[in-house]
Amino acid sequence: MKKNYWPVAIVGIILFGVLIISVGVVIAIKNPAIDEEMYGGKKRDIDERINSILQEQNEFESSAKAFLQMGEENLVLQTPYRIKAPKKSFVPPKFALPLSLRLEIQSPIYIHSVKLIITSFMQDVPDSNPIAFSTKNGQIYTPDSSLAFAKDGRYKLRFEIQYSQNRDTPPTKTAYFEQEIFYASNAAHAN
């Protein structure tokens, strides 16, 4: 009678599968997935309250229009929830100073704060700390500190605007806008 190796092969395949699964679990435990901060909270929190976020966004957009002024360009800011994915031929506008946010307020709302977070598409460049914006006339908001970019490349400017219906009410609502830009350090920047 010939010796049959099938039972040994089946046991070997099962043990190999258990080993691969064990290695995968160890790697997952040592390197957990990071729930990145987006638009005021973790992705899971955003998913849970997306309806209220969209309602606040719609309310703000019905009361005001947001424009990004970069040098001579005047770009309409888009809400991140309604932006369609850019075509492959999409070229973001070149970054230029001075940079400001212009709000055309059409119905009574009070802006409590405007913050900017600069997000890089490069993994080795971390997101910036929030940069506060201030205003002198209630329409044009400028950064309180200088904008710094780690290196040349594509970036996303994410604006967070906290507002309420009047000055006496604490900021209870938040609107978000974003714009992709291309930063090149060799371009002439004037502040």
C-alpha atoms as a PDB file:
ATOM      1  CA  MET A   1       0.000   0.000   0.000  1.00  0.00           C
ATOM      2  CA  LYS A   2       1.276   3.460  -0.986  1.00  0.00           C
ATOM      3  CA  LYS A   3       1.714   6.146   1.632  1.00  0.00           C
ATOM      4  CA  ASN A   4      -0.850   8.974   1.226  1.00  0.00           C
ATOM      5  CA  TYR A   5       0.341  12.536   1.963  1.00  0.00           C
ATOM      6  CA  TRP A   6      -3.029  14.307   1.547  1.00  0.00           C
ATOM      7  CA  PRO A   7      -3.905  14.355   5.270  1.00  0.00           C
ATOM      8  CA  VAL A   8      -0.506  15.887   6.061  1.00  0.00           C
ATOM      9  CA  ALA A   9      -0.966  18.513   3.315  1.00  0.00           C
ATOM     10  CA  ILE A  10      -4.438  19.451   4.592  1.00  0.00           C
ATOM     11  CA  VAL A  11      -3.175  19.832   8.170  1.00  0.00           C
ATOM     12  CA  GLY A  12      -0.213  21.855   6.879  1.00  0.00           C
ATOM     13  CA  ILE A  13      -2.495  24.231   4.937  1.00  0.00           C
ATOM     14  CA  ILE A  14      -4.723  24.707   7.996  1.00  0.00           C
ATOM     15  CA  LEU A  15      -1.702  25.451  10.214  1.00  0.00           C
ATOM     16  CA  PHE A  16      -0.331  27.872   7.596  1.00  0.00           C
ATOM     17  CA  GLY A  17      -3.711  29.677   7.529  1.00  0.00           C
ATOM     18  CA  VAL A  18      -3.756  29.950  11.333  1.00  0.00           C
ATOM     19  CA  LEU A  19      -0.203  31.339  11.258  1.00  0.00           C
ATOM     20  CA  ILE A  20      -1.084  33.964   8.623  1.00  0.00           C
ATOM     21  CA  ILE A  21      -4.194  35.048  10.569  1.00  0.00           C
ATOM     22  CA  SER A  22      -2.144  35.276  13.793  1.00  0.00           C
ATOM     23  CA  VAL A  23       0.481  37.439  12.089  1.00  0.00           C
ATOM     24  CA  GLY A  24      -2.278  39.682  10.688  1.00  0.00           C
ATOM     25  CA  VAL A  25      -3.840  40.110  14.144  1.00  0.00           C
ATOM     26  CA  VAL A  26      -0.470  40.967  15.718  1.00  0.00           C
ATOM     27  CA  ILE A  27       0.235  43.563  13.012  1.00  0.00           C
ATOM     28  CA  ALA A  28      -3.254  45.065  13.442  1.00  0.00           C
ATOM     29  CA  ILE A  29      -2.807  45.333  17.212  1.00  0.00           C
ATOM     30  CA  LYS A  30       0.615  46.980  16.929  1.00  0.00           C
ATOM     31  CA  ASN A  31      -0.485  49.393  14.154  1.00  0.00           C
ATOM     32  CA  PRO A  32      -4.136  50.313  14.742  1.00  0.00           C
ATOM     33  CA  ALA A  33      -6.029  52.262  12.107  1.00  0.00           C
ATOM     34  CA  ILE A  34      -6.058  55.945  12.981  1.00  0.00           C
ATOM     35  CA  ASP A  35      -9.501  57.528  13.015  1.00  0.00           C
ATOM     36  CA  GLU A  36      -8.371  60.819  11.554  1.00  0.00           C
ATOM     37  CA  GLU A  37      -9.897  64.108  12.613  1.00  0.00           C
ATOM     38  CA  MET A  38     -12.136  65.577   9.951  1.00  0.00           C
ATOM     39  CA  TYR A  39     -14.418  68.568  10.166  1.00  0.00           C
ATOM     40  CA  GLY A  40     -14.612  68.903  13.905  1.00  0.00           C
ATOM     41  CA  GLY A  41     -14.569  65.260  14.932  1.00  0.00           C
ATOM     42  CA  LYS A  42     -13.762  61.677  14.197  1.00  0.00           C
ATOM     43  CA  LYS A  43     -15.226  60.014  11.111  1.00  0.00           C
ATOM     44  CA  ARG A  44     -17.551  57.880  13.212  1.00  0.00           C
ATOM     45  CA  ASP A  45     -18.947  60.962  15.014  1.00  0.00           C
ATOM     46  CA  ILE A  46     -19.389  62.768  11.692  1.00  0.00           C
ATOM     47  CA  ASP A  47     -21.283  59.789  10.265  1.00  0.00           C
ATOM     48  CA  GLU A  48     -23.623  59.790  13.268  1.00  0.00           C
ATOM     49  CA  ARG A  49     -24.452  63.499  13.033  1.00  0.00           C
ATOM     50  CA  ILE A  50     -24.193  64.096   9.280  1.00  0.00           C
ATOM     51  CA  ASN A  51     -27.815  65.259   9.004  1.00  0.00           C
ATOM     52  CA  SER A  52     -27.367  68.048  11.566  1.00  0.00           C
ATOM     53  CA  ILE A  53     -24.044  69.034   9.951  1.00  0.00           C
ATOM     54  CA  LEU A  54     -25.708  69.322   6.539  1.00  0.00           C
ATOM     55  CA  GLN A  55     -28.590  71.299   8.031  1.00  0.00           C
ATOM     56  CA  GLU A  56     -26.158  73.809   9.613  1.00  0.00           C
ATOM     57  CA  GLN A  57     -24.213  73.987   6.333  1.00  0.00           C
ATOM     58  CA  ASN A  58     -27.386  74.685   4.333  1.00  0.00           C
ATOM     59  CA  GLU A  59     -28.455  77.331   6.837  1.00  0.00           C
ATOM     60  CA  PHE A  60     -25.097  79.096   6.564  1.00  0.00           C
ATOM     61  CA  GLU A  61     -25.040  78.900   2.764  1.00  0.00           C
ATOM     62  CA  SER A  62     -28.523  80.412   2.593  1.00  0.00           C
ATOM     63  CA  SER A  63     -27.295  83.314   4.761  1.00  0.00           C
ATOM     64  CA  ALA A  64     -23.815  83.911   3.334  1.00  0.00           C
ATOM     65  CA  LYS A  65     -21.524  83.188   0.400  1.00  0.00           C
ATOM     66  CA  ALA A  66     -17.858  82.360   1.021  1.00  0.00           C
ATOM     67  CA  PHE A  67     -15.015  83.371  -1.311  1.00  0.00           C
ATOM     68  CA  LEU A  68     -11.286  82.695  -1.055  1.00  0.00           C
ATOM     69  CA  GLN A  69      -9.146  85.589  -2.234  1.00  0.00           C
ATOM     70  CA  MET A  70      -5.607  84.548  -3.193  1.00  0.00           C
ATOM     71  CA  GLY A  71      -3.644  87.340  -4.757  1.00  0.00           C
ATOM     72  CA  GLU A  72      -5.736  88.419  -7.754  1.00  0.00           C
ATOM     73  CA  GLU A  73      -7.947  85.293  -7.804  1.00  0.00           C
ATOM     74  CA  ASN A  74     -11.396  85.200  -6.226  1.00  0.00           C
ATOM     75  CA  LEU A  75     -12.547  81.563  -5.785  1.00  0.00           C
ATOM     76  CA  VAL A  76     -15.978  80.439  -4.601  1.00  0.00           C
ATOM     77  CA  LEU A  77     -15.441  78.061  -1.684  1.00  0.00           C
ATOM     78  CA  GLN A  78     -17.201  74.709  -1.881  1.00  0.00           C
ATOM     79  CA  THR A  79     -18.725  72.712   0.914  1.00  0.00           C
ATOM     80  CA  PRO A  80     -16.839  69.413   1.315  1.00  0.00           C
ATOM     81  CA  TYR A  81     -20.059  67.405   1.390  1.00  0.00           C
ATOM     82  CA  ARG A  82     -21.174  68.355  -2.119  1.00  0.00           C
ATOM     83  CA  ILE A  83     -17.910  68.504  -4.049  1.00  0.00           C
ATOM     84  CA  LYS A  84     -17.718  66.002  -6.864  1.00  0.00           C
ATOM     85  CA  ALA A  85     -14.407  64.243  -7.263  1.00  0.00           C
ATOM     86  CA  PRO A  86     -12.162  66.300  -9.539  1.00  0.00           C
ATOM     87  CA  LYS A  87     -11.406  65.014 -12.999  1.00  0.00           C
ATOM     88  CA  LYS A  88      -7.950  63.555 -13.584  1.00  0.00           C
ATOM     89  CA  SER A  89      -7.028  66.687 -15.490  1.00  0.00           C
ATOM     90  CA  PHE A  90      -7.895  68.911 -12.475  1.00  0.00           C
ATOM     91  CA  VAL A  91      -5.170  71.455 -11.741  1.00  0.00           C
ATOM     92  CA  PRO A  92      -5.569  73.299  -8.433  1.00  0.00           C
ATOM     93  CA  PRO A  93      -4.939  77.057  -8.501  1.00  0.00           C
ATOM     94  CA  LYS A  94      -1.464  78.275  -7.535  1.00  0.00           C
ATOM     95  CA  PHE A  95      -1.181  79.640  -4.022  1.00  0.00           C
ATOM     96  CA  ALA A  96      -0.642  83.372  -3.791  1.00  0.00           C
ATOM     97  CA  LEU A  97      -0.484  85.915  -0.987  1.00  0.00           C
ATOM     98  CA  PRO A  98      -2.235  87.833   0.372  1.00  0.00           C
ATOM     99  CA  LEU A  99      -4.807  85.233   1.333  1.00  0.00           C
ATOM    100  CA  SER A 100      -8.168  86.213   2.796  1.00  0.00           C
ATOM    101  CA  LEU A 101     -11.658  84.839   3.241  1.00  0.00           C
ATOM    102  CA  ARG A 102     -14.500  87.088   2.088  1.00  0.00           C
ATOM    103  CA  LEU A 103     -18.017  86.485   3.358  1.00  0.00           C
ATOM    104  CA  GLU A 104     -21.027  88.100   1.703  1.00  0.00           C
ATOM    105  CA  ILE A 105     -23.642  87.920   4.442  1.00  0.00           C
ATOM    106  CA  GLN A 106     -27.178  88.203   3.076  1.00  0.00           C
ATOM    107  CA  SER A 107     -29.311  87.529   6.158  1.00  0.00           C
ATOM    108  CA  PRO A 108     -28.555  88.175   9.814  1.00  0.00           C
ATOM    109  CA  ILE A 109     -25.998  85.778  11.256  1.00  0.00           C
ATOM    110  CA  TYR A 110     -23.052  86.516  13.526  1.00  0.00           C
ATOM    111  CA  ILE A 111     -19.631  85.007  12.805  1.00  0.00           C
ATOM    112  CA  HIS A 112     -17.876  84.070  16.062  1.00  0.00           C
ATOM    113  CA  SER A 113     -14.682  82.582  14.652  1.00  0.00           C
ATOM    114  CA  VAL A 114     -12.982  81.526  11.436  1.00  0.00           C
ATOM    115  CA  LYS A 115     -10.191  78.927  11.483  1.00  0.00           C
ATOM    116  CA  LEU A 116      -8.055  77.429   8.737  1.00  0.00           C
ATOM    117  CA  ILE A 117      -6.407  74.011   8.735  1.00  0.00           C
ATOM    118  CA  ILE A 118      -3.906  73.277   5.985  1.00  0.00           C
ATOM    119  CA  THR A 119      -3.936  69.604   5.005  1.00  0.00           C
ATOM    120  CA  SER A 120      -1.263  68.064   2.805  1.00  0.00           C
ATOM    121  CA  PHE A 121      -1.739  65.248   0.327  1.00  0.00           C
ATOM    122  CA  MET A 122       1.789  64.091   1.219  1.00  0.00           C
ATOM    123  CA  GLN A 123       1.958  61.559   4.041  1.00  0.00           C
ATOM    124  CA  ASP A 124       5.171  62.958   5.505  1.00  0.00           C
ATOM    125  CA  VAL A 125       3.649  66.434   5.997  1.00  0.00           C
ATOM    126  CA  PRO A 126       1.305  66.655   9.011  1.00  0.00           C
ATOM    127  CA  ASP A 127      -1.800  68.852   9.100  1.00  0.00           C
ATOM    128  CA  SER A 128      -1.248  72.371  10.401  1.00  0.00           C
ATOM    129  CA  ASN A 129      -2.532  73.591  13.726  1.00  0.00           C
ATOM    130  CA  PRO A 130      -5.713  75.651  13.338  1.00  0.00           C
ATOM    131  CA  ILE A 131      -4.886  79.180  12.170  1.00  0.00           C
ATOM    132  CA  ALA A 132      -7.287  81.824  13.477  1.00  0.00           C
ATOM    133  CA  PHE A 133      -8.630  84.538  11.195  1.00  0.00           C
ATOM    134  CA  SER A 134      -9.779  88.004  12.273  1.00  0.00           C
ATOM    135  CA  THR A 135     -11.701  90.817  10.628  1.00  0.00           C
ATOM    136  CA  LYS A 136     -11.840  94.584  10.774  1.00  0.00           C
ATOM    137  CA  ASN A 137     -14.976  95.138   8.701  1.00  0.00           C
ATOM    138  CA  GLY A 138     -17.031  91.958   9.201  1.00  0.00           C
ATOM    139  CA  GLN A 139     -16.575  90.847   5.586  1.00  0.00           C
ATOM    140  CA  ILE A 140     -12.870  90.230   4.905  1.00  0.00           C
ATOM    141  CA  TYR A 141     -11.128  87.764   7.241  1.00  0.00           C
ATOM    142  CA  THR A 142      -7.321  87.543   7.248  1.00  0.00           C
ATOM    143  CA  PRO A 143      -5.001  85.099   9.064  1.00  0.00           C
ATOM    144  CA  ASP A 144      -3.686  86.222  12.453  1.00  0.00           C
ATOM    145  CA  SER A 145      -0.339  84.516  11.795  1.00  0.00           C
ATOM    146  CA  SER A 146       1.724  83.749   8.721  1.00  0.00           C
ATOM    147  CA  LEU A 147       0.935  80.658   6.674  1.00  0.00           C
ATOM    148  CA  ALA A 148       3.709  78.079   6.468  1.00  0.00           C
ATOM    149  CA  PHE A 149       4.037  75.182   4.043  1.00  0.00           C
ATOM    150  CA  ALA A 150       6.565  72.393   4.664  1.00  0.00           C
ATOM    151  CA  LYS A 151       7.337  71.834   0.984  1.00  0.00           C
ATOM    152  CA  ASP A 152       6.017  72.321  -2.521  1.00  0.00           C
ATOM    153  CA  GLY A 153       2.926  70.379  -3.528  1.00  0.00           C
ATOM    154  CA  ARG A 154      -0.840  70.086  -3.351  1.00  0.00           C
ATOM    155  CA  TYR A 155      -2.617  71.195  -0.211  1.00  0.00           C
ATOM    156  CA  LYS A 156      -6.208  71.496   0.912  1.00  0.00           C
ATOM    157  CA  LEU A 157      -7.329  74.599   2.780  1.00  0.00           C
ATOM    158  CA  ARG A 158     -10.155  73.667   5.183  1.00  0.00           C
ATOM    159  CA  PHE A 159     -12.087  76.561   6.695  1.00  0.00           C
ATOM    160  CA  GLU A 160     -14.214  76.146   9.830  1.00  0.00           C
ATOM    161  CA  ILE A 161     -16.678  78.969  10.509  1.00  0.00           C
ATOM    162  CA  GLN A 162     -18.508  79.058  13.851  1.00  0.00           C
ATOM    163  CA  TYR A 163     -21.637  81.182  13.814  1.00  0.00           C
ATOM    164  CA  SER A 164     -24.980  81.842  15.477  1.00  0.00           C
ATOM    165  CA  GLN A 165     -28.128  83.809  14.724  1.00  0.00           C
ATOM    166  CA  ASN A 166     -27.064  86.857  16.760  1.00  0.00           C
ATOM    167  CA  ARG A 167     -24.133  88.313  18.674  1.00  0.00           C
ATOM    168  CA  ASP A 168     -25.476  87.394  22.131  1.00  0.00           C
ATOM    169  CA  THR A 169     -25.908  83.697  21.360  1.00  0.00           C
ATOM    170  CA  PRO A 170     -22.835  81.489  21.855  1.00  0.00           C
ATOM    171  CA  PRO A 171     -21.471  79.802  18.719  1.00  0.00           C
ATOM    172  CA  THR A 172     -23.734  76.823  18.271  1.00  0.00           C
ATOM    173  CA  LYS A 173     -23.356  76.078  14.575  1.00  0.00           C
ATOM    174  CA  THR A 174     -20.420  75.318  12.316  1.00  0.00           C
ATOM    175  CA  ALA A 175     -19.962  75.498   8.555  1.00  0.00           C
ATOM    176  CA  TYR A 176     -17.046  74.004   6.619  1.00  0.00           C
ATOM    177  CA  PHE A 177     -15.510  74.973   3.294  1.00  0.00           C
ATOM    178  CA  GLU A 178     -12.447  73.761   1.433  1.00  0.00           C
ATOM    179  CA  GLN A 179     -10.268  74.565  -1.543  1.00  0.00           C
ATOM    180  CA  GLU A 180      -7.371  72.652  -3.066  1.00  0.00           C
ATOM    181  CA  ILE A 181      -4.315  74.712  -3.948  1.00  0.00           C
ATOM    182  CA  PHE A 182      -0.840  74.148  -5.339  1.00  0.00           C
ATOM    183  CA  TYR A 183       2.042  75.696  -3.397  1.00  0.00           C
ATOM    184  CA  ALA A 184       5.368  76.419  -5.102  1.00  0.00           C
ATOM    185  CA  SER A 185       8.047  78.094  -2.983  1.00  0.00           C
ATOM    186  CA  ASN A 186       9.832  79.614  -5.979  1.00  0.00           C
ATOM    187  CA  ALA A 187       6.794  81.758  -6.819  1.00  0.00           C
ATOM    188  CA  ALA A 188       7.071  85.380  -5.819  1.00  0.00           C
ATOM    189  CA  HIS A 189       4.985  85.898  -2.682  1.00  0.00           C
ATOM    190  CA  ALA A 190       4.308  89.285  -1.216  1.00  0.00           C
ATOM    191  CA  ASN A 191       2.495  89.719   2.065  1.00  0.00           C
END
